[in-house]
């Protein structure tokens, strides 16, 4: 597998290279746009392990939260 094939394979699995060297963005989709507590815990583990303890969440559409 050459570098371009590897990049395409990663993109199909939601991993996108960034401009900074050795930096990637991982895109995840929550069914119905709802992240469960278990999913959020998994995101936190990933952020601790691979993101220097940081993560960023955003949505493509409107969202609401219970108050």
Protein backbone atom coordinates (compact mmCIF):
# COMPACT_ATOMS: atom_id res chain seq x y z
CA UNK A 1 0.00 0.00 0.00
CA UNK A 2 1.48 3.36 -0.97
CA UNK A 3 1.08 6.63 0.96
CA UNK A 4 -1.94 7.80 -1.08
CA UNK A 5 -3.77 4.48 -0.59
CA UNK A 6 -3.02 4.70 3.13
CA UNK A 7 -4.40 8.26 3.28
CA UNK A 8 -7.59 7.21 1.46
CA UNK A 9 -8.06 4.24 3.79
CA UNK A 10 -7.71 6.47 6.86
CA UNK A 11 -10.19 9.00 5.44
CA UNK A 12 -12.76 6.24 4.86
CA UNK A 13 -12.41 5.44 8.58
CA UNK A 14 -12.79 9.06 9.72
CA UNK A 15 -9.12 9.96 10.26
CA UNK A 16 -8.01 13.15 8.50
CA UNK A 17 -4.45 14.50 8.29
CA UNK A 18 -3.95 18.10 9.35
CA UNK A 19 -1.46 20.71 8.16
CA UNK A 20 0.70 20.18 11.25
CA UNK A 21 3.01 17.19 11.01
CA UNK A 22 1.93 14.17 13.08
CA UNK A 23 -1.49 15.73 13.79
CA UNK A 24 -4.80 14.18 12.76
CA UNK A 25 -8.49 14.81 13.29
CA UNK A 26 -10.79 11.91 14.04
CA UNK A 27 -14.40 12.37 12.99
CA UNK A 28 -16.99 10.31 14.83
CA UNK A 29 -20.73 10.15 14.31
CA UNK A 30 -23.21 9.62 17.11
CA UNK A 31 -26.38 7.74 16.10
CA UNK A 32 -29.21 10.25 15.92
CA UNK A 33 -26.79 12.95 17.02
CA UNK A 34 -26.94 11.75 20.62
CA UNK A 35 -23.76 10.90 22.51
CA UNK A 36 -24.30 8.60 25.47
CA UNK A 37 -22.29 8.88 28.69
CA UNK A 38 -20.36 5.76 27.65
CA UNK A 39 -19.45 7.38 24.31
CA UNK A 40 -18.32 10.57 26.06
CA UNK A 41 -16.12 8.51 28.38
CA UNK A 42 -14.56 6.83 25.33
CA UNK A 43 -13.93 10.25 23.76
CA UNK A 44 -12.24 11.36 26.99
CA UNK A 45 -10.01 8.27 27.03
CA UNK A 46 -9.01 8.94 23.40
CA UNK A 47 -8.29 12.60 24.19
CA UNK A 48 -6.12 11.63 27.15
CA UNK A 49 -4.27 8.96 25.21
CA UNK A 50 -3.75 10.66 21.84
CA UNK A 51 -4.81 14.30 22.22
CA UNK A 52 -2.66 15.55 25.08
CA UNK A 53 -5.80 15.64 27.23
CA UNK A 54 -7.70 17.89 24.84
CA UNK A 55 -10.63 17.34 22.52
CA UNK A 56 -12.97 19.49 20.47
CA UNK A 57 -16.66 18.87 19.79
CA UNK A 58 -18.79 20.53 17.18
CA UNK A 59 -22.02 19.87 15.39
CA UNK A 60 -23.10 20.46 11.82
CA UNK A 61 -26.58 21.54 12.73
CA UNK A 62 -28.66 22.85 15.56
CA UNK A 63 -28.45 21.17 18.89
CA UNK A 64 -30.20 21.49 22.18
CA UNK A 65 -29.42 20.51 25.72
CA UNK A 66 -31.67 19.86 28.65
CA UNK A 67 -31.49 22.44 31.43
